[in-house]
Amino acid sequence: MVMRSALMSLFLAAMLAASLAFASHQGMRNRICAPRTRMSSSDAVNGGRETQIVDALRHVRVPIATFVSAAALLLPDVAVGASAGGSGAVALEQAITRLEKVDNRGDTVQAMADLYEVVQAKPLLTRTKYKYRVINAINDKHRLLNNEWDQTLSYEVSELKRAADPFRTVDLKPYLQVAPYIGGGLYLITLFIQRSIPEIFNFAYPISVFVLVSPVIFILLTT
């Protein structure tokens, strides 16, 4: 998704640059080919400015329209202007708020299903603006309904988290903030073992890797 968004952004930027270049070229050609008439210096200046503006607006109309149409086609889930983000944001706000307010199993399952449909329709908006709120709402429901948690809820949670945060960055963030320090400490320990007790290094190294990676696996399996 990130690569696709980057490629689409480059494509749209290229289209916009081509549109402006086309308008500038057309305006310049019209000014060169336009018949010259005698007029006063002030009239010439004012008339020239008006002609430039009219020419630019006339020739940029079609390229800009093409640019907007292509953007709407290629990025249907990104707001081109203000309209696309408005309705999507409202729908997401309502669905997330509904999930945050429910307090029983049945309503939670339905709220997650409704939120999943909205997230599927607006994945980019969700992942850039509402990801943390969605995941935090899900985790709060997990803690609230821990005694009633079953396979249905687990399935809804896995699907919703996969749609809103496919790389699980929200759940992993607390551990990833301290993982570099843990990794550094484990590296120093294994380096000391390698130099001081080399005969057990072959056991110490995989154990240190397991210690570093196991919290990630635990978080992915339990959240």
C-alpha atoms as a PDB file:
ATOM      1  CA  MET A   1       0.000   0.000   0.000  1.00  0.00           C
ATOM      2  CA  VAL A   2       2.817   2.385   0.805  1.00  0.00           C
ATOM      3  CA  MET A   3       4.551   1.610  -2.498  1.00  0.00           C
ATOM      4  CA  ARG A   4       1.274   1.981  -4.387  1.00  0.00           C
ATOM      5  CA  SER A   5       0.554   5.339  -2.770  1.00  0.00           C
ATOM      6  CA  ALA A   6       4.071   6.566  -3.567  1.00  0.00           C
ATOM      7  CA  LEU A   7       3.775   5.523  -7.222  1.00  0.00           C
ATOM      8  CA  MET A   8       0.349   7.133  -7.534  1.00  0.00           C
ATOM      9  CA  SER A   9       1.660  10.334  -5.971  1.00  0.00           C
ATOM     10  CA  LEU A  10       4.544  10.459  -8.445  1.00  0.00           C
ATOM     11  CA  PHE A  11       2.160   9.806 -11.324  1.00  0.00           C
ATOM     12  CA  LEU A  12      -0.235  12.559 -10.255  1.00  0.00           C
ATOM     13  CA  ALA A  13       2.621  15.010  -9.718  1.00  0.00           C
ATOM     14  CA  ALA A  14       3.884  14.254 -13.217  1.00  0.00           C
ATOM     15  CA  MET A  15       0.418  14.833 -14.656  1.00  0.00           C
ATOM     16  CA  LEU A  16       0.102  18.154 -12.865  1.00  0.00           C
ATOM     17  CA  ALA A  17       3.528  19.278 -14.091  1.00  0.00           C
ATOM     18  CA  ALA A  18       2.629  18.259 -17.649  1.00  0.00           C
ATOM     19  CA  SER A  19      -0.662  20.165 -17.405  1.00  0.00           C
ATOM     20  CA  LEU A  20       1.033  23.350 -16.269  1.00  0.00           C
ATOM     21  CA  ALA A  21       3.734  23.012 -18.924  1.00  0.00           C
ATOM     22  CA  PHE A  22       1.103  22.504 -21.603  1.00  0.00           C
ATOM     23  CA  ALA A  23      -0.808  25.585 -20.462  1.00  0.00           C
ATOM     24  CA  SER A  24       2.346  27.692 -20.400  1.00  0.00           C
ATOM     25  CA  HIS A  25       3.350  26.517 -23.889  1.00  0.00           C
ATOM     26  CA  GLN A  26      -0.068  27.228 -25.335  1.00  0.00           C
ATOM     27  CA  GLY A  27      -0.186  30.670 -23.768  1.00  0.00           C
ATOM     28  CA  MET A  28       3.269  31.537 -25.111  1.00  0.00           C
ATOM     29  CA  ARG A  29       2.408  30.333 -28.617  1.00  0.00           C
ATOM     30  CA  ASN A  30      -0.761  32.389 -28.700  1.00  0.00           C
ATOM     31  CA  ARG A  31       1.097  35.490 -27.603  1.00  0.00           C
ATOM     32  CA  ILE A  32       3.680  34.999 -30.358  1.00  0.00           C
ATOM     33  CA  CYS A  33       1.125  34.326 -33.090  1.00  0.00           C
ATOM     34  CA  ALA A  34      -1.399  36.970 -32.041  1.00  0.00           C
ATOM     35  CA  PRO A  35      -1.789  39.925 -34.503  1.00  0.00           C
ATOM     36  CA  ARG A  36      -0.183  43.106 -33.290  1.00  0.00           C
ATOM     37  CA  THR A  37      -2.119  46.394 -33.186  1.00  0.00           C
ATOM     38  CA  ARG A  38      -1.065  49.876 -32.259  1.00  0.00           C
ATOM     39  CA  MET A  39      -2.054  50.969 -28.768  1.00  0.00           C
ATOM     40  CA  SER A  40      -0.808  53.047 -25.931  1.00  0.00           C
ATOM     41  CA  SER A  41       1.796  51.681 -23.528  1.00  0.00           C
ATOM     42  CA  SER A  42      -0.646  51.372 -20.573  1.00  0.00           C
ATOM     43  CA  ASP A  43      -3.266  49.664 -22.720  1.00  0.00           C
ATOM     44  CA  ALA A  44      -0.636  47.293 -24.041  1.00  0.00           C
ATOM     45  CA  VAL A  45       0.432  46.293 -20.525  1.00  0.00           C
ATOM     46  CA  ASN A  46      -3.115  45.776 -19.240  1.00  0.00           C
ATOM     47  CA  GLY A  47      -4.258  44.064 -22.378  1.00  0.00           C
ATOM     48  CA  GLY A  48      -1.241  41.772 -22.350  1.00  0.00           C
ATOM     49  CA  ARG A  49      -1.901  40.706 -18.777  1.00  0.00           C
ATOM     50  CA  GLU A  50      -5.567  39.974 -19.473  1.00  0.00           C
ATOM     51  CA  THR A  51      -4.657  37.983 -22.568  1.00  0.00           C
ATOM     52  CA  GLN A  52      -2.141  35.903 -20.604  1.00  0.00           C
ATOM     53  CA  ILE A  53      -4.695  35.095 -17.902  1.00  0.00           C
ATOM     54  CA  VAL A  54      -7.444  34.190 -20.357  1.00  0.00           C
ATOM     55  CA  ASP A  55      -5.106  32.040 -22.422  1.00  0.00           C
ATOM     56  CA  ALA A  56      -3.793  30.218 -19.353  1.00  0.00           C
ATOM     57  CA  LEU A  57      -7.281  29.519 -18.010  1.00  0.00           C
ATOM     58  CA  ARG A  58      -8.585  28.376 -21.388  1.00  0.00           C
ATOM     59  CA  HIS A  59      -5.772  25.926 -22.092  1.00  0.00           C
ATOM     60  CA  VAL A  60      -5.299  24.579 -18.579  1.00  0.00           C
ATOM     61  CA  ARG A  61      -8.982  23.641 -18.246  1.00  0.00           C
ATOM     62  CA  VAL A  62      -8.821  20.309 -20.083  1.00  0.00           C
ATOM     63  CA  PRO A  63      -5.502  19.066 -18.609  1.00  0.00           C
ATOM     64  CA  ILE A  64      -6.592  19.865 -15.057  1.00  0.00           C
ATOM     65  CA  ALA A  65      -9.918  18.107 -15.616  1.00  0.00           C
ATOM     66  CA  THR A  66      -8.046  15.089 -16.908  1.00  0.00           C
ATOM     67  CA  PHE A  67      -5.708  15.222 -13.891  1.00  0.00           C
ATOM     68  CA  VAL A  68      -8.619  15.210 -11.408  1.00  0.00           C
ATOM     69  CA  SER A  69     -10.422  12.407 -13.235  1.00  0.00           C
ATOM     70  CA  ALA A  70      -7.296  10.248 -13.247  1.00  0.00           C
ATOM     71  CA  ALA A  71      -6.720  10.901  -9.553  1.00  0.00           C
ATOM     72  CA  ALA A  72     -10.279   9.882  -8.698  1.00  0.00           C
ATOM     73  CA  LEU A  73      -9.904   6.698 -10.752  1.00  0.00           C
ATOM     74  CA  LEU A  74      -6.492   5.645  -9.429  1.00  0.00           C
ATOM     75  CA  LEU A  75      -6.986   6.608  -5.775  1.00  0.00           C
ATOM     76  CA  PRO A  76     -10.675   6.090  -4.936  1.00  0.00           C
ATOM     77  CA  ASP A  77      -9.944   5.886  -1.204  1.00  0.00           C
ATOM     78  CA  VAL A  78      -7.922   9.115  -1.078  1.00  0.00           C
ATOM     79  CA  ALA A  79      -9.625  12.498  -0.839  1.00  0.00           C
ATOM     80  CA  VAL A  80      -9.162  14.542  -4.008  1.00  0.00           C
ATOM     81  CA  GLY A  81     -10.257  17.884  -2.669  1.00  0.00           C
ATOM     82  CA  ALA A  82     -12.319  17.898   0.528  1.00  0.00           C
ATOM     83  CA  SER A  83     -15.274  15.639  -0.319  1.00  0.00           C
ATOM     84  CA  ALA A  84     -13.665  12.189  -0.175  1.00  0.00           C
ATOM     85  CA  GLY A  85     -12.119  12.619   3.275  1.00  0.00           C
ATOM     86  CA  GLY A  86     -15.275  14.122   4.758  1.00  0.00           C
ATOM     87  CA  SER A  87     -17.708  11.234   4.311  1.00  0.00           C
ATOM     88  CA  GLY A  88     -15.062   8.608   5.047  1.00  0.00           C
ATOM     89  CA  ALA A  89     -13.962  10.341   8.242  1.00  0.00           C
ATOM     90  CA  VAL A  90     -17.548  10.690   9.451  1.00  0.00           C
ATOM     91  CA  ALA A  91     -18.308   7.020   8.815  1.00  0.00           C
ATOM     92  CA  LEU A  92     -15.129   5.939  10.590  1.00  0.00           C
ATOM     93  CA  GLU A  93     -15.785   8.220  13.549  1.00  0.00           C
ATOM     94  CA  GLN A  94     -19.286   6.813  13.957  1.00  0.00           C
ATOM     95  CA  ALA A  95     -18.182   3.182  13.655  1.00  0.00           C
ATOM     96  CA  ILE A  96     -15.282   3.596  16.087  1.00  0.00           C
ATOM     97  CA  THR A  97     -17.436   5.469  18.591  1.00  0.00           C
ATOM     98  CA  ARG A  98     -20.048   2.700  18.420  1.00  0.00           C
ATOM     99  CA  LEU A  99     -17.389   0.089  19.199  1.00  0.00           C
ATOM    100  CA  GLU A 100     -16.003   2.173  22.069  1.00  0.00           C
ATOM    101  CA  LYS A 101     -19.446   2.471  23.704  1.00  0.00           C
ATOM    102  CA  VAL A 102     -20.722  -1.116  23.532  1.00  0.00           C
ATOM    103  CA  ASP A 103     -20.348  -3.181  26.682  1.00  0.00           C
ATOM    104  CA  ASN A 104     -21.588  -6.680  25.844  1.00  0.00           C
ATOM    105  CA  ARG A 105     -20.517  -9.499  23.585  1.00  0.00           C
ATOM    106  CA  GLY A 106     -23.332  -9.384  21.034  1.00  0.00           C
ATOM    107  CA  ASP A 107     -23.065  -5.649  20.401  1.00  0.00           C
ATOM    108  CA  THR A 108     -19.268  -5.894  20.265  1.00  0.00           C
ATOM    109  CA  VAL A 109     -19.382  -8.520  17.505  1.00  0.00           C
ATOM    110  CA  GLN A 110     -21.799  -6.408  15.482  1.00  0.00           C
ATOM    111  CA  ALA A 111     -19.827  -3.202  16.058  1.00  0.00           C
ATOM    112  CA  MET A 112     -16.611  -4.892  14.927  1.00  0.00           C
ATOM    113  CA  ALA A 113     -18.313  -6.236  11.807  1.00  0.00           C
ATOM    114  CA  ASP A 114     -19.685  -2.779  10.965  1.00  0.00           C
ATOM    115  CA  LEU A 115     -16.304  -1.145  11.586  1.00  0.00           C
ATOM    116  CA  TYR A 116     -14.601  -3.755   9.411  1.00  0.00           C
ATOM    117  CA  GLU A 117     -16.833  -2.828   6.463  1.00  0.00           C
ATOM    118  CA  VAL A 118     -15.959   0.861   6.831  1.00  0.00           C
ATOM    119  CA  VAL A 119     -12.248   0.137   7.195  1.00  0.00           C
ATOM    120  CA  GLN A 120     -12.330  -2.020   4.067  1.00  0.00           C
ATOM    121  CA  ALA A 121     -13.897   0.877   2.164  1.00  0.00           C
ATOM    122  CA  LYS A 122     -11.379   3.445   3.480  1.00  0.00           C
ATOM    123  CA  PRO A 123      -8.149   1.552   4.258  1.00  0.00           C
ATOM    124  CA  LEU A 124      -5.716   4.388   3.593  1.00  0.00           C
ATOM    125  CA  LEU A 125      -7.659   6.883   5.691  1.00  0.00           C
ATOM    126  CA  THR A 126      -7.877   4.354   8.522  1.00  0.00           C
ATOM    127  CA  ARG A 127      -4.181   3.468   8.510  1.00  0.00           C
ATOM    128  CA  THR A 128      -2.993   7.066   8.366  1.00  0.00           C
ATOM    129  CA  LYS A 129      -5.389   8.753  10.801  1.00  0.00           C
ATOM    130  CA  TYR A 130      -7.501   6.283  12.797  1.00  0.00           C
ATOM    131  CA  LYS A 131      -5.241   3.257  13.213  1.00  0.00           C
ATOM    132  CA  TYR A 132      -4.365   3.843  16.865  1.00  0.00           C
ATOM    133  CA  ARG A 133      -7.928   4.578  17.862  1.00  0.00           C
ATOM    134  CA  VAL A 134      -9.254   1.442  16.155  1.00  0.00           C
ATOM    135  CA  ILE A 135      -6.650  -0.856  17.712  1.00  0.00           C
ATOM    136  CA  ASN A 136      -7.014   0.698  21.168  1.00  0.00           C
ATOM    137  CA  ALA A 137     -10.798   0.259  21.000  1.00  0.00           C
ATOM    138  CA  ILE A 138     -10.343  -3.414  20.092  1.00  0.00           C
ATOM    139  CA  ASN A 139      -7.865  -4.003  22.925  1.00  0.00           C
ATOM    140  CA  ASP A 140     -10.186  -2.291  25.415  1.00  0.00           C
ATOM    141  CA  LYS A 141     -13.006  -4.655  24.417  1.00  0.00           C
ATOM    142  CA  HIS A 142     -10.642  -7.612  24.783  1.00  0.00           C
ATOM    143  CA  ARG A 143      -9.886  -6.607  28.372  1.00  0.00           C
ATOM    144  CA  LEU A 144     -13.561  -5.863  29.123  1.00  0.00           C
ATOM    145  CA  LEU A 145     -14.914  -9.111  27.714  1.00  0.00           C
ATOM    146  CA  ASN A 146     -12.007 -11.358  28.643  1.00  0.00           C
ATOM    147  CA  ASN A 147     -14.282 -13.927  30.301  1.00  0.00           C
ATOM    148  CA  GLU A 148     -16.611 -14.006  27.281  1.00  0.00           C
ATOM    149  CA  TRP A 149     -13.901 -14.079  24.613  1.00  0.00           C
ATOM    150  CA  ASP A 150     -14.409 -16.884  22.086  1.00  0.00           C
ATOM    151  CA  GLN A 151     -13.480 -17.901  18.548  1.00  0.00           C
ATOM    152  CA  THR A 152     -16.029 -15.551  16.974  1.00  0.00           C
ATOM    153  CA  LEU A 153     -14.565 -12.522  18.698  1.00  0.00           C
ATOM    154  CA  SER A 154     -11.022 -13.695  17.973  1.00  0.00           C
ATOM    155  CA  TYR A 155     -11.864 -14.013  14.283  1.00  0.00           C
ATOM    156  CA  GLU A 156     -13.461 -10.558  14.149  1.00  0.00           C
ATOM    157  CA  VAL A 157     -10.460  -9.050  15.924  1.00  0.00           C
ATOM    158  CA  SER A 158      -7.909 -10.698  13.631  1.00  0.00           C
ATOM    159  CA  GLU A 159      -9.747  -9.573  10.488  1.00  0.00           C
ATOM    160  CA  LEU A 160     -10.237  -6.027  11.762  1.00  0.00           C
ATOM    161  CA  LYS A 161      -6.636  -5.648  12.903  1.00  0.00           C
ATOM    162  CA  ARG A 162      -5.374  -7.048   9.616  1.00  0.00           C
ATOM    163  CA  ALA A 163      -7.406  -4.434   7.747  1.00  0.00           C
ATOM    164  CA  ALA A 164      -6.583  -1.463   9.985  1.00  0.00           C
ATOM    165  CA  ASP A 165      -2.979  -2.284  10.936  1.00  0.00           C
ATOM    166  CA  PRO A 166      -1.585  -5.101   8.756  1.00  0.00           C
ATOM    167  CA  PHE A 167       1.920  -4.878  10.257  1.00  0.00           C
ATOM    168  CA  ARG A 168       0.592  -4.677  13.856  1.00  0.00           C
ATOM    169  CA  THR A 169       2.644  -1.587  14.569  1.00  0.00           C
ATOM    170  CA  VAL A 170       0.275  -0.342  17.287  1.00  0.00           C
ATOM    171  CA  ASP A 171       0.435  -3.534  19.350  1.00  0.00           C
ATOM    172  CA  LEU A 172       4.177  -3.923  18.827  1.00  0.00           C
ATOM    173  CA  LYS A 173       5.099  -0.285  19.436  1.00  0.00           C
ATOM    174  CA  PRO A 174       5.703  -0.561  23.230  1.00  0.00           C
ATOM    175  CA  TYR A 175       8.091  -3.487  22.783  1.00  0.00           C
ATOM    176  CA  LEU A 176       9.791  -2.072  19.700  1.00  0.00           C
ATOM    177  CA  GLN A 177      10.654   1.033  21.698  1.00  0.00           C
ATOM    178  CA  VAL A 178      12.764  -1.021  24.120  1.00  0.00           C
ATOM    179  CA  ALA A 179      13.850  -3.805  21.739  1.00  0.00           C
ATOM    180  CA  PRO A 180      17.058  -1.990  20.659  1.00  0.00           C
ATOM    181  CA  TYR A 181      18.233  -1.845  24.285  1.00  0.00           C
ATOM    182  CA  ILE A 182      17.379  -5.508  24.853  1.00  0.00           C
ATOM    183  CA  GLY A 183      19.146  -6.447  21.634  1.00  0.00           C
ATOM    184  CA  GLY A 184      22.204  -4.434  22.613  1.00  0.00           C
ATOM    185  CA  GLY A 185      22.379  -6.089  26.023  1.00  0.00           C
ATOM    186  CA  LEU A 186      22.002  -9.548  24.517  1.00  0.00           C
ATOM    187  CA  TYR A 187      24.737  -8.783  21.996  1.00  0.00           C
ATOM    188  CA  LEU A 188      27.169  -7.789  24.739  1.00  0.00           C
ATOM    189  CA  ILE A 189      26.337 -10.919  26.720  1.00  0.00           C
ATOM    190  CA  THR A 190      26.836 -13.239  23.756  1.00  0.00           C
ATOM    191  CA  LEU A 191      30.056 -11.418  22.828  1.00  0.00           C
ATOM    192  CA  PHE A 192      31.346 -11.935  26.358  1.00  0.00           C
ATOM    193  CA  ILE A 193      30.408 -15.626  26.221  1.00  0.00           C
ATOM    194  CA  GLN A 194      32.108 -16.028  22.847  1.00  0.00           C
ATOM    195  CA  ARG A 195      35.370 -14.679  24.207  1.00  0.00           C
ATOM    196  CA  SER A 196      35.252 -16.103  27.714  1.00  0.00           C
ATOM    197  CA  ILE A 197      33.322 -19.391  27.391  1.00  0.00           C
ATOM    198  CA  PRO A 198      33.390 -20.220  23.676  1.00  0.00           C
ATOM    199  CA  GLU A 199      32.290 -23.818  24.229  1.00  0.00           C
ATOM    200  CA  ILE A 200      28.735 -22.702  25.154  1.00  0.00           C
ATOM    201  CA  PHE A 201      28.450 -19.947  22.550  1.00  0.00           C
ATOM    202  CA  ASN A 202      26.567 -22.247  20.149  1.00  0.00           C
ATOM    203  CA  PHE A 203      23.845 -22.537  22.787  1.00  0.00           C
ATOM    204  CA  ALA A 204      23.940 -18.945  23.982  1.00  0.00           C
ATOM    205  CA  TYR A 205      23.430 -17.400  20.554  1.00  0.00           C
ATOM    206  CA  PRO A 206      20.088 -19.092  19.650  1.00  0.00           C
ATOM    207  CA  ILE A 207      18.863 -18.497  23.196  1.00  0.00           C
ATOM    208  CA  SER A 208      19.576 -14.765  22.874  1.00  0.00           C
ATOM    209  CA  VAL A 209      17.737 -14.664  19.538  1.00  0.00           C
ATOM    210  CA  PHE A 210      14.765 -16.430  21.123  1.00  0.00           C
ATOM    211  CA  VAL A 211      14.717 -13.959  24.019  1.00  0.00           C
ATOM    212  CA  LEU A 212      14.692 -11.054  21.566  1.00  0.00           C
ATOM    213  CA  VAL A 213      12.012 -12.430  19.241  1.00  0.00           C
ATOM    214  CA  SER A 214       9.683 -14.252  21.648  1.00  0.00           C
ATOM    215  CA  PRO A 215       7.957 -11.076  22.942  1.00  0.00           C
ATOM    216  CA  VAL A 216       6.967 -10.232  19.367  1.00  0.00           C
ATOM    217  CA  ILE A 217       5.446 -13.675  18.883  1.00  0.00           C
ATOM    218  CA  PHE A 218       3.679 -13.466  22.242  1.00  0.00           C
ATOM    219  CA  ILE A 219       2.179 -10.070  21.427  1.00  0.00           C
ATOM    220  CA  LEU A 220       0.971 -11.211  18.007  1.00  0.00           C
ATOM    221  CA  LEU A 221      -0.666 -14.307  19.479  1.00  0.00           C
ATOM    222  CA  THR A 222      -2.329 -12.677  22.492  1.00  0.00           C
ATOM    223  CA  THR A 223      -3.569  -9.314  21.190  1.00  0.00           C
END
